[in-house]
Amino acid sequence: MKTNYIDQFLEYLEINNYSSHTIANYSIDLSSLSNFIEKEGFGGLLDVRSSIARYFIQYLSEKNFCNKSISRKISSAKTFYNYLMVEKIMLINPFSEIVSPKVEKKNPKFIYENDIEKLFSLIDRNTNLGKRDLALFEILYGCGLRVSEVCGIKINDLDFYRNLILIRGKGNKERLMPMHSKIVTALNDYINNGRDQLLVKDGNFENKQLFLNYRGTNLTTRGVRVILNKLIDKGSLIKLSPHKIRHSFATHLLNNGADLRIIQELLGHEHLSSTQIYTQVSKEKMKIEYLKRHPRATKGKRGK
């Protein structure tokens, strides 16, 4: 029976706690590579050499893929072949010397603190689902977590004695996140007065997952987005995503004087360069405030 190395790799990612969104992207990118190899008659994935890898990149360019898409496909291929090397299935990575095209980094999008407060004001805290939603968004914004990390939290990961949460991030890397008092209060209310009522609906009282959906089963990343979209519609808020809440967490901390390396640790970024993009956002805010506040910058405008 022929081994499906892509499926094997995707299973490895799932075991190591990669998000469903990331796994889906890897699947798309590697299927694209596999289809190209088959269509061009180059054999299989194990037959790829550096010359074929370069031809694949040329093919993507001719098909008018943007630099960002090409870079992602190169990154996916490199990670896939690194995995095959670790598993001793391949001796070399054919994509190791492929250089990704330059991609212009866009500043992360965030919302202002008053918009965050408006989001919280829309939550009905008197219902079981409302108690869950408050705890959910207190953690999302209060800890700046990826949506997959939030959905992966278990009851046993909460340490109310030290007010810490154990988070399992990308590659199953663990980090401890502090909880401020509003997170603790919202979690206690949800766990003591809402979660059990949701759990009854499914009847699986052994379920240790923290956040449950209206059916009493595990809340998914898609479910979080549905909840958020309902609140956006309810309050006519600007377009918002769980990841934009994460960006807002980092931006607000930086604007309020937090050290960049602390933010890096809180976000679970492996490299500081991933966190430094928030300094650009902070500089833009500084420029806006400067132009609004400096007497010489505002002189003459007030009379218009």
C-alpha atoms as a PDB file:
ATOM      1  CA  MET A   1       0.000   0.000   0.000  1.00  0.00           C
ATOM      2  CA  LYS A   2       1.377   3.412  -1.029  1.00  0.00           C
ATOM      3  CA  THR A   3       2.145   5.724   1.906  1.00  0.00           C
ATOM      4  CA  ASN A   4       0.419   9.088   1.836  1.00  0.00           C
ATOM      5  CA  TYR A   5       3.162  11.276   3.271  1.00  0.00           C
ATOM      6  CA  ILE A   6       1.033  14.422   3.213  1.00  0.00           C
ATOM      7  CA  ASP A   7      -1.656  12.802   5.391  1.00  0.00           C
ATOM      8  CA  GLN A   8       1.060  11.484   7.689  1.00  0.00           C
ATOM      9  CA  PHE A   9       2.510  14.990   8.012  1.00  0.00           C
ATOM     10  CA  LEU A  10      -0.903  16.593   8.635  1.00  0.00           C
ATOM     11  CA  GLU A  11      -1.591  14.035  11.364  1.00  0.00           C
ATOM     12  CA  TYR A  12       1.740  14.974  12.945  1.00  0.00           C
ATOM     13  CA  LEU A  13       0.687  18.664  12.936  1.00  0.00           C
ATOM     14  CA  GLU A  14      -2.642  17.818  14.545  1.00  0.00           C
ATOM     15  CA  ILE A  15      -0.947  15.778  17.289  1.00  0.00           C
ATOM     16  CA  ASN A  16       1.343  18.748  17.941  1.00  0.00           C
ATOM     17  CA  ASN A  17      -1.582  21.102  18.462  1.00  0.00           C
ATOM     18  CA  TYR A  18      -1.369  23.152  15.253  1.00  0.00           C
ATOM     19  CA  SER A  19      -4.599  25.029  14.540  1.00  0.00           C
ATOM     20  CA  SER A  20      -7.134  23.649  12.063  1.00  0.00           C
ATOM     21  CA  HIS A  21      -6.590  26.782   9.933  1.00  0.00           C
ATOM     22  CA  THR A  22      -2.815  26.179   9.747  1.00  0.00           C
ATOM     23  CA  ILE A  23      -3.295  22.486   8.952  1.00  0.00           C
ATOM     24  CA  ALA A  24      -5.779  23.365   6.204  1.00  0.00           C
ATOM     25  CA  ASN A  25      -3.232  25.754   4.645  1.00  0.00           C
ATOM     26  CA  TYR A  26      -0.527  23.083   4.704  1.00  0.00           C
ATOM     27  CA  SER A  27      -2.946  20.653   3.056  1.00  0.00           C
ATOM     28  CA  ILE A  28      -3.745  23.138   0.263  1.00  0.00           C
ATOM     29  CA  ASP A  29      -0.091  24.038  -0.338  1.00  0.00           C
ATOM     30  CA  LEU A  30       1.198  20.461  -0.363  1.00  0.00           C
ATOM     31  CA  SER A  31      -1.663  19.261  -2.565  1.00  0.00           C
ATOM     32  CA  SER A  32      -0.692  22.028  -4.997  1.00  0.00           C
ATOM     33  CA  LEU A  33       2.902  20.758  -5.007  1.00  0.00           C
ATOM     34  CA  SER A  34       1.822  17.124  -5.368  1.00  0.00           C
ATOM     35  CA  ASN A  35      -0.514  17.931  -8.271  1.00  0.00           C
ATOM     36  CA  PHE A  36       2.255  19.884 -10.014  1.00  0.00           C
ATOM     37  CA  ILE A  37       4.713  16.981  -9.677  1.00  0.00           C
ATOM     38  CA  GLU A  38       2.156  14.500 -11.010  1.00  0.00           C
ATOM     39  CA  LYS A  39       1.035  16.755 -13.868  1.00  0.00           C
ATOM     40  CA  GLU A  40       4.628  17.411 -15.002  1.00  0.00           C
ATOM     41  CA  GLY A  41       5.582  13.734 -14.751  1.00  0.00           C
ATOM     42  CA  PHE A  42       8.304  14.208 -12.108  1.00  0.00           C
ATOM     43  CA  GLY A  43       7.345  11.081 -10.177  1.00  0.00           C
ATOM     44  CA  GLY A  44       6.290  11.526  -6.562  1.00  0.00           C
ATOM     45  CA  LEU A  45       7.017  13.750  -3.573  1.00  0.00           C
ATOM     46  CA  LEU A  46      10.119  11.727  -2.690  1.00  0.00           C
ATOM     47  CA  ASP A  47      11.552  12.284  -6.172  1.00  0.00           C
ATOM     48  CA  VAL A  48      11.697  16.077  -5.838  1.00  0.00           C
ATOM     49  CA  ARG A  49      15.142  17.651  -6.213  1.00  0.00           C
ATOM     50  CA  SER A  50      16.212  21.294  -5.973  1.00  0.00           C
ATOM     51  CA  SER A  51      15.828  21.773  -9.746  1.00  0.00           C
ATOM     52  CA  ILE A  52      12.183  20.618  -9.538  1.00  0.00           C
ATOM     53  CA  ALA A  53      11.631  22.887  -6.540  1.00  0.00           C
ATOM     54  CA  ARG A  54      12.902  25.884  -8.543  1.00  0.00           C
ATOM     55  CA  TYR A  55      10.695  24.901 -11.469  1.00  0.00           C
ATOM     56  CA  PHE A  56       7.691  24.751  -9.135  1.00  0.00           C
ATOM     57  CA  ILE A  57       8.348  28.343  -7.977  1.00  0.00           C
ATOM     58  CA  GLN A  58       8.682  29.467 -11.596  1.00  0.00           C
ATOM     59  CA  TYR A  59       5.380  27.731 -12.365  1.00  0.00           C
ATOM     60  CA  LEU A  60       3.640  29.590  -9.513  1.00  0.00           C
ATOM     61  CA  SER A  61       4.992  32.922 -10.763  1.00  0.00           C
ATOM     62  CA  GLU A  62       3.755  32.221 -14.294  1.00  0.00           C
ATOM     63  CA  LYS A  63       0.336  31.412 -12.849  1.00  0.00           C
ATOM     64  CA  ASN A  64       0.334  34.913 -11.290  1.00  0.00           C
ATOM     65  CA  PHE A  65       0.389  33.813  -7.662  1.00  0.00           C
ATOM     66  CA  CYS A  66       1.229  36.776  -5.444  1.00  0.00           C
ATOM     67  CA  ASN A  67       4.485  36.860  -3.489  1.00  0.00           C
ATOM     68  CA  LYS A  68       2.674  36.176  -0.227  1.00  0.00           C
ATOM     69  CA  SER A  69       1.089  32.974  -1.603  1.00  0.00           C
ATOM     70  CA  ILE A  70       4.375  31.804  -3.122  1.00  0.00           C
ATOM     71  CA  SER A  71       6.205  32.442   0.156  1.00  0.00           C
ATOM     72  CA  ARG A  72       3.621  30.441   2.067  1.00  0.00           C
ATOM     73  CA  LYS A  73       3.899  27.508  -0.350  1.00  0.00           C
ATOM     74  CA  ILE A  74       7.699  27.561  -0.069  1.00  0.00           C
ATOM     75  CA  SER A  75       7.455  27.636   3.713  1.00  0.00           C
ATOM     76  CA  SER A  76       4.968  24.737   3.693  1.00  0.00           C
ATOM     77  CA  ALA A  77       7.217  22.674   1.420  1.00  0.00           C
ATOM     78  CA  LYS A  78      10.306  23.372   3.558  1.00  0.00           C
ATOM     79  CA  THR A  79       8.504  22.339   6.732  1.00  0.00           C
ATOM     80  CA  PHE A  80       7.125  19.205   5.064  1.00  0.00           C
ATOM     81  CA  TYR A  81      10.525  18.058   3.792  1.00  0.00           C
ATOM     82  CA  ASN A  82      12.176  18.887   7.129  1.00  0.00           C
ATOM     83  CA  TYR A  83       9.623  16.542   8.685  1.00  0.00           C
ATOM     84  CA  LEU A  84      10.514  13.823   6.140  1.00  0.00           C
ATOM     85  CA  MET A  85      14.193  14.296   6.996  1.00  0.00           C
ATOM     86  CA  VAL A  86      13.524  13.962  10.729  1.00  0.00           C
ATOM     87  CA  GLU A  87      11.577  10.782   9.985  1.00  0.00           C
ATOM     88  CA  LYS A  88      14.571   9.602   7.896  1.00  0.00           C
ATOM     89  CA  ILE A  89      12.391   9.303   4.797  1.00  0.00           C
ATOM     90  CA  MET A  90      14.437  11.922   2.879  1.00  0.00           C
ATOM     91  CA  LEU A  91      18.146  12.695   3.135  1.00  0.00           C
ATOM     92  CA  ILE A  92      17.973  16.306   1.912  1.00  0.00           C
ATOM     93  CA  ASN A  93      15.396  19.072   1.762  1.00  0.00           C
ATOM     94  CA  PRO A  94      14.977  20.060  -1.926  1.00  0.00           C
ATOM     95  CA  PHE A  95      13.505  23.419  -0.880  1.00  0.00           C
ATOM     96  CA  SER A  96      16.276  24.310   1.596  1.00  0.00           C
ATOM     97  CA  GLU A  97      18.024  26.714  -0.811  1.00  0.00           C
ATOM     98  CA  ILE A  98      14.850  28.236  -2.256  1.00  0.00           C
ATOM     99  CA  VAL A  99      14.602  31.904  -1.281  1.00  0.00           C
ATOM    100  CA  SER A 100      11.131  33.292  -0.706  1.00  0.00           C
ATOM    101  CA  PRO A 101      10.173  36.451  -2.612  1.00  0.00           C
ATOM    102  CA  LYS A 102       9.975  39.611  -0.553  1.00  0.00           C
ATOM    103  CA  VAL A 103       6.574  40.208   0.971  1.00  0.00           C
ATOM    104  CA  GLU A 104       5.591  43.638   2.205  1.00  0.00           C
ATOM    105  CA  LYS A 105       4.620  43.280   5.849  1.00  0.00           C
ATOM    106  CA  LYS A 106       1.292  44.848   6.668  1.00  0.00           C
ATOM    107  CA  ASN A 107       0.704  46.360  10.042  1.00  0.00           C
ATOM    108  CA  PRO A 108      -1.524  44.178  12.234  1.00  0.00           C
ATOM    109  CA  LYS A 109      -5.069  45.474  12.435  1.00  0.00           C
ATOM    110  CA  PHE A 110      -6.441  46.267  15.859  1.00  0.00           C
ATOM    111  CA  ILE A 111      -9.377  48.032  17.479  1.00  0.00           C
ATOM    112  CA  TYR A 112      -9.314  50.761  20.118  1.00  0.00           C
ATOM    113  CA  GLU A 113      -9.946  50.186  23.805  1.00  0.00           C
ATOM    114  CA  ASN A 114     -13.385  51.793  23.748  1.00  0.00           C
ATOM    115  CA  ASP A 115     -14.452  49.354  20.991  1.00  0.00           C
ATOM    116  CA  ILE A 116     -13.289  46.449  23.166  1.00  0.00           C
ATOM    117  CA  GLU A 117     -15.385  47.816  26.045  1.00  0.00           C
ATOM    118  CA  LYS A 118     -18.390  48.096  23.726  1.00  0.00           C
ATOM    119  CA  LEU A 119     -17.934  44.432  22.739  1.00  0.00           C
ATOM    120  CA  PHE A 120     -18.015  43.401  26.410  1.00  0.00           C
ATOM    121  CA  SER A 121     -21.102  45.542  27.052  1.00  0.00           C
ATOM    122  CA  LEU A 122     -23.049  43.536  24.437  1.00  0.00           C
ATOM    123  CA  ILE A 123     -22.698  40.251  26.327  1.00  0.00           C
ATOM    124  CA  ASP A 124     -25.747  39.133  28.317  1.00  0.00           C
ATOM    125  CA  ARG A 125     -24.146  38.006  31.569  1.00  0.00           C
ATOM    126  CA  ASN A 126     -27.347  36.493  33.011  1.00  0.00           C
ATOM    127  CA  THR A 127     -27.488  33.419  30.762  1.00  0.00           C
ATOM    128  CA  ASN A 128     -25.324  30.297  30.713  1.00  0.00           C
ATOM    129  CA  LEU A 129     -24.053  31.137  27.233  1.00  0.00           C
ATOM    130  CA  GLY A 130     -23.502  34.755  28.216  1.00  0.00           C
ATOM    131  CA  LYS A 131     -21.376  33.716  31.194  1.00  0.00           C
ATOM    132  CA  ARG A 132     -19.357  31.538  28.831  1.00  0.00           C
ATOM    133  CA  ASP A 133     -18.989  34.351  26.298  1.00  0.00           C
ATOM    134  CA  LEU A 134     -17.775  36.800  28.935  1.00  0.00           C
ATOM    135  CA  ALA A 135     -15.143  34.333  30.185  1.00  0.00           C
ATOM    136  CA  LEU A 136     -14.191  33.518  26.584  1.00  0.00           C
ATOM    137  CA  PHE A 137     -13.585  37.118  25.531  1.00  0.00           C
ATOM    138  CA  GLU A 138     -11.963  38.086  28.829  1.00  0.00           C
ATOM    139  CA  ILE A 139      -9.359  35.398  28.109  1.00  0.00           C
ATOM    140  CA  LEU A 140      -9.075  36.209  24.389  1.00  0.00           C
ATOM    141  CA  TYR A 141      -8.407  39.889  25.045  1.00  0.00           C
ATOM    142  CA  GLY A 142      -6.903  39.585  28.518  1.00  0.00           C
ATOM    143  CA  CYS A 143      -4.301  37.010  27.465  1.00  0.00           C
ATOM    144  CA  GLY A 144      -3.969  37.728  23.729  1.00  0.00           C
ATOM    145  CA  LEU A 145      -4.384  34.065  22.831  1.00  0.00           C
ATOM    146  CA  ARG A 146      -4.782  32.459  19.441  1.00  0.00           C
ATOM    147  CA  VAL A 147      -8.337  31.179  19.026  1.00  0.00           C
ATOM    148  CA  SER A 148      -7.030  27.593  18.798  1.00  0.00           C
ATOM    149  CA  GLU A 149      -5.242  28.078  22.134  1.00  0.00           C
ATOM    150  CA  VAL A 150      -8.433  29.258  23.808  1.00  0.00           C
ATOM    151  CA  CYS A 151     -10.390  26.274  22.481  1.00  0.00           C
ATOM    152  CA  GLY A 152      -7.673  23.950  23.756  1.00  0.00           C
ATOM    153  CA  ILE A 153      -7.848  25.066  27.404  1.00  0.00           C
ATOM    154  CA  LYS A 154      -8.939  22.373  29.881  1.00  0.00           C
ATOM    155  CA  ILE A 155     -10.307  22.859  33.389  1.00  0.00           C
ATOM    156  CA  ASN A 156      -7.109  21.356  34.792  1.00  0.00           C
ATOM    157  CA  ASP A 157      -5.049  24.066  33.031  1.00  0.00           C
ATOM    158  CA  LEU A 158      -6.464  26.752  35.343  1.00  0.00           C
ATOM    159  CA  ASP A 159      -4.500  27.574  38.489  1.00  0.00           C
ATOM    160  CA  PHE A 160      -6.691  29.865  40.605  1.00  0.00           C
ATOM    161  CA  TYR A 161      -4.214  29.756  43.486  1.00  0.00           C
ATOM    162  CA  ARG A 162      -1.543  31.552  41.429  1.00  0.00           C
ATOM    163  CA  ASN A 163      -3.976  33.023  38.832  1.00  0.00           C
ATOM    164  CA  LEU A 164      -2.222  31.349  35.893  1.00  0.00           C
ATOM    165  CA  ILE A 165      -3.363  29.421  32.804  1.00  0.00           C
ATOM    166  CA  LEU A 166      -1.302  26.727  31.120  1.00  0.00           C
ATOM    167  CA  ILE A 167      -1.435  27.397  27.363  1.00  0.00           C
ATOM    168  CA  ARG A 168      -0.436  24.923  24.661  1.00  0.00           C
ATOM    169  CA  GLY A 169       0.667  26.874  21.621  1.00  0.00           C
ATOM    170  CA  LYS A 170       2.074  26.066  18.205  1.00  0.00           C
ATOM    171  CA  GLY A 171       4.131  22.887  18.096  1.00  0.00           C
ATOM    172  CA  ASN A 172       2.625  21.937  21.488  1.00  0.00           C
ATOM    173  CA  LYS A 173       4.900  24.463  23.217  1.00  0.00           C
ATOM    174  CA  GLU A 174       3.615  25.332  26.667  1.00  0.00           C
ATOM    175  CA  ARG A 175       3.628  28.705  28.416  1.00  0.00           C
ATOM    176  CA  LEU A 176       2.006  30.096  31.538  1.00  0.00           C
ATOM    177  CA  MET A 177      -0.247  33.127  31.165  1.00  0.00           C
ATOM    178  CA  PRO A 178      -1.222  35.388  34.077  1.00  0.00           C
ATOM    179  CA  MET A 179      -4.904  36.136  34.673  1.00  0.00           C
ATOM    180  CA  HIS A 180      -6.066  39.545  35.872  1.00  0.00           C
ATOM    181  CA  SER A 181      -8.966  39.840  38.325  1.00  0.00           C
ATOM    182  CA  LYS A 182     -11.721  40.277  35.703  1.00  0.00           C
ATOM    183  CA  ILE A 183     -10.665  37.066  33.946  1.00  0.00           C
ATOM    184  CA  VAL A 184     -10.709  35.188  37.271  1.00  0.00           C
ATOM    185  CA  THR A 185     -14.138  36.569  38.190  1.00  0.00           C
ATOM    186  CA  ALA A 186     -15.633  35.732  34.772  1.00  0.00           C
ATOM    187  CA  LEU A 187     -14.152  32.214  34.802  1.00  0.00           C
ATOM    188  CA  ASN A 188     -15.436  31.465  38.289  1.00  0.00           C
ATOM    189  CA  ASP A 189     -18.926  32.636  37.345  1.00  0.00           C
ATOM    190  CA  TYR A 190     -18.926  30.554  34.159  1.00  0.00           C
ATOM    191  CA  ILE A 191     -17.511  27.408  35.763  1.00  0.00           C
ATOM    192  CA  ASN A 192     -19.754  27.562  38.863  1.00  0.00           C
ATOM    193  CA  ASN A 193     -22.964  28.899  37.301  1.00  0.00           C
ATOM    194  CA  GLY A 194     -22.925  28.164  33.575  1.00  0.00           C
ATOM    195  CA  ARG A 195     -20.670  25.338  32.430  1.00  0.00           C
ATOM    196  CA  ASP A 196     -22.438  22.529  34.307  1.00  0.00           C
ATOM    197  CA  GLN A 197     -25.785  23.557  32.803  1.00  0.00           C
ATOM    198  CA  LEU A 198     -24.245  23.322  29.333  1.00  0.00           C
ATOM    199  CA  LEU A 199     -22.568  20.009  30.179  1.00  0.00           C
ATOM    200  CA  VAL A 200     -25.966  18.465  31.051  1.00  0.00           C
ATOM    201  CA  LYS A 201     -27.092  18.851  27.433  1.00  0.00           C
ATOM    202  CA  ASP A 202     -24.474  16.390  26.198  1.00  0.00           C
ATOM    203  CA  GLY A 203     -24.319  14.288  29.330  1.00  0.00           C
ATOM    204  CA  ASN A 204     -20.571  13.683  29.126  1.00  0.00           C
ATOM    205  CA  PHE A 205     -19.601  14.756  32.623  1.00  0.00           C
ATOM    206  CA  GLU A 206     -16.035  13.524  32.080  1.00  0.00           C
ATOM    207  CA  ASN A 207     -15.437  16.304  29.530  1.00  0.00           C
ATOM    208  CA  LYS A 208     -12.567  18.446  30.832  1.00  0.00           C
ATOM    209  CA  GLN A 209     -12.648  21.035  28.046  1.00  0.00           C
ATOM    210  CA  LEU A 210     -13.188  24.505  29.479  1.00  0.00           C
ATOM    211  CA  PHE A 211     -15.353  26.083  26.805  1.00  0.00           C
ATOM    212  CA  LEU A 212     -18.470  24.285  25.604  1.00  0.00           C
ATOM    213  CA  ASN A 213     -21.002  25.125  22.896  1.00  0.00           C
ATOM    214  CA  TYR A 214     -24.768  25.332  23.294  1.00  0.00           C
ATOM    215  CA  ARG A 215     -25.011  21.543  22.821  1.00  0.00           C
ATOM    216  CA  GLY A 216     -22.618  20.884  25.684  1.00  0.00           C
ATOM    217  CA  THR A 217     -19.786  19.642  23.451  1.00  0.00           C
ATOM    218  CA  ASN A 218     -16.376  21.242  22.827  1.00  0.00           C
ATOM    219  CA  LEU A 219     -16.403  24.782  21.455  1.00  0.00           C
ATOM    220  CA  THR A 220     -14.480  24.950  18.159  1.00  0.00           C
ATOM    221  CA  THR A 221     -12.538  27.796  16.557  1.00  0.00           C
ATOM    222  CA  ARG A 222     -15.373  28.186  14.058  1.00  0.00           C
ATOM    223  CA  GLY A 223     -17.814  28.372  16.963  1.00  0.00           C
ATOM    224  CA  VAL A 224     -15.853  31.248  18.507  1.00  0.00           C
ATOM    225  CA  ARG A 225     -16.066  33.167  15.226  1.00  0.00           C
ATOM    226  CA  VAL A 226     -19.843  32.555  15.063  1.00  0.00           C
ATOM    227  CA  ILE A 227     -20.256  33.906  18.620  1.00  0.00           C
ATOM    228  CA  LEU A 228     -18.165  36.965  17.785  1.00  0.00           C
ATOM    229  CA  ASN A 229     -20.067  37.635  14.554  1.00  0.00           C
ATOM    230  CA  LYS A 230     -23.376  37.558  16.436  1.00  0.00           C
ATOM    231  CA  LEU A 231     -22.106  40.186  18.876  1.00  0.00           C
ATOM    232  CA  ILE A 232     -20.823  42.315  15.989  1.00  0.00           C
ATOM    233  CA  ASP A 233     -24.244  42.175  14.317  1.00  0.00           C
ATOM    234  CA  LYS A 234     -25.980  42.909  17.615  1.00  0.00           C
ATOM    235  CA  GLY A 235     -23.946  46.037  18.293  1.00  0.00           C
ATOM    236  CA  SER A 236     -23.218  47.132  14.719  1.00  0.00           C
ATOM    237  CA  LEU A 237     -19.511  46.929  15.503  1.00  0.00           C
ATOM    238  CA  ILE A 238     -16.706  47.241  12.988  1.00  0.00           C
ATOM    239  CA  LYS A 239     -15.470  44.034  11.366  1.00  0.00           C
ATOM    240  CA  LEU A 240     -13.671  42.022  14.019  1.00  0.00           C
ATOM    241  CA  SER A 241     -11.959  38.636  14.265  1.00  0.00           C
ATOM    242  CA  PRO A 242     -10.415  36.678  17.161  1.00  0.00           C
ATOM    243  CA  HIS A 243      -6.971  37.401  15.709  1.00  0.00           C
ATOM    244  CA  LYS A 244      -7.693  41.129  15.604  1.00  0.00           C
ATOM    245  CA  ILE A 245      -8.468  40.883  19.331  1.00  0.00           C
ATOM    246  CA  ARG A 246      -5.017  39.280  19.777  1.00  0.00           C
ATOM    247  CA  HIS A 247      -3.448  42.144  17.812  1.00  0.00           C
ATOM    248  CA  SER A 248      -5.347  44.623  19.992  1.00  0.00           C
ATOM    249  CA  PHE A 249      -4.021  42.948  23.148  1.00  0.00           C
ATOM    250  CA  ALA A 250      -0.414  43.401  22.000  1.00  0.00           C
ATOM    251  CA  THR A 251      -0.925  46.934  20.669  1.00  0.00           C
ATOM    252  CA  HIS A 252      -2.688  48.157  23.823  1.00  0.00           C
ATOM    253  CA  LEU A 253       0.050  46.707  26.057  1.00  0.00           C
ATOM    254  CA  LEU A 254       2.752  48.379  23.974  1.00  0.00           C
ATOM    255  CA  ASN A 255       0.916  51.712  23.956  1.00  0.00           C
ATOM    256  CA  ASN A 256       0.684  51.529  27.734  1.00  0.00           C
ATOM    257  CA  GLY A 257       4.427  51.039  28.156  1.00  0.00           C
ATOM    258  CA  ALA A 258       4.865  47.233  28.290  1.00  0.00           C
ATOM    259  CA  ASP A 259       8.306  45.880  27.362  1.00  0.00           C
ATOM    260  CA  LEU A 260       8.462  44.308  23.888  1.00  0.00           C
ATOM    261  CA  ARG A 261      10.140  41.137  25.162  1.00  0.00           C
ATOM    262  CA  ILE A 262       7.396  40.644  27.748  1.00  0.00           C
ATOM    263  CA  ILE A 263       4.808  40.959  24.972  1.00  0.00           C
ATOM    264  CA  GLN A 264       6.797  38.408  22.953  1.00  0.00           C
ATOM    265  CA  GLU A 265       6.588  35.928  25.845  1.00  0.00           C
ATOM    266  CA  LEU A 266       2.889  36.578  26.377  1.00  0.00           C
ATOM    267  CA  LEU A 267       2.092  36.069  22.689  1.00  0.00           C
ATOM    268  CA  GLY A 268       4.173  32.904  22.500  1.00  0.00           C
ATOM    269  CA  HIS A 269       6.315  34.247  19.652  1.00  0.00           C
ATOM    270  CA  GLU A 270       9.495  32.256  19.102  1.00  0.00           C
ATOM    271  CA  HIS A 271      11.314  35.225  17.546  1.00  0.00           C
ATOM    272  CA  LEU A 272      11.277  38.864  18.638  1.00  0.00           C
ATOM    273  CA  SER A 273      10.987  39.923  14.985  1.00  0.00           C
ATOM    274  CA  SER A 274       7.420  38.566  14.979  1.00  0.00           C
ATOM    275  CA  THR A 275       6.550  40.927  17.822  1.00  0.00           C
ATOM    276  CA  GLN A 276       8.385  43.991  16.537  1.00  0.00           C
ATOM    277  CA  ILE A 277       5.702  44.686  13.929  1.00  0.00           C
ATOM    278  CA  TYR A 278       3.569  46.089  16.768  1.00  0.00           C
ATOM    279  CA  THR A 279       6.096  48.873  17.331  1.00  0.00           C
ATOM    280  CA  GLN A 280       5.180  50.237  13.890  1.00  0.00           C
ATOM    281  CA  VAL A 281       1.512  50.351  14.892  1.00  0.00           C
ATOM    282  CA  SER A 282       2.473  52.150  18.082  1.00  0.00           C
ATOM    283  CA  LYS A 283       4.527  54.694  16.102  1.00  0.00           C
ATOM    284  CA  GLU A 284       1.564  55.408  13.848  1.00  0.00           C
ATOM    285  CA  LYS A 285      -0.617  56.060  16.881  1.00  0.00           C
ATOM    286  CA  MET A 286       2.123  58.308  18.281  1.00  0.00           C
ATOM    287  CA  LYS A 287       2.160  60.278  15.014  1.00  0.00           C
ATOM    288  CA  ILE A 288      -1.629  60.713  15.049  1.00  0.00           C
ATOM    289  CA  GLU A 289      -1.578  61.878  18.678  1.00  0.00           C
ATOM    290  CA  TYR A 290       1.313  64.231  17.946  1.00  0.00           C
ATOM    291  CA  LEU A 291      -0.526  65.891  15.055  1.00  0.00           C
ATOM    292  CA  LYS A 292      -3.683  66.179  17.155  1.00  0.00           C
ATOM    293  CA  ARG A 293      -2.013  67.567  20.276  1.00  0.00           C
ATOM    294  CA  HIS A 294       1.000  69.693  19.320  1.00  0.00           C
ATOM    295  CA  PRO A 295       0.065  73.415  19.394  1.00  0.00           C
ATOM    296  CA  ARG A 296       1.912  74.237  16.175  1.00  0.00           C
ATOM    297  CA  ALA A 297       0.464  71.202  14.379  1.00  0.00           C
ATOM    298  CA  THR A 298      -3.098  72.110  15.325  1.00  0.00           C
ATOM    299  CA  LYS A 299      -2.810  75.890  14.997  1.00  0.00           C
ATOM    300  CA  GLY A 300      -5.042  77.195  12.244  1.00  0.00           C
ATOM    301  CA  LYS A 301      -7.152  74.056  12.082  1.00  0.00           C
ATOM    302  CA  ARG A 302      -9.406  74.895  14.963  1.00  0.00           C
ATOM    303  CA  GLY A 303     -10.815  77.922  13.272  1.00  0.00           C
ATOM    304  CA  LYS A 304     -11.850  76.020  10.170  1.00  0.00           C
END
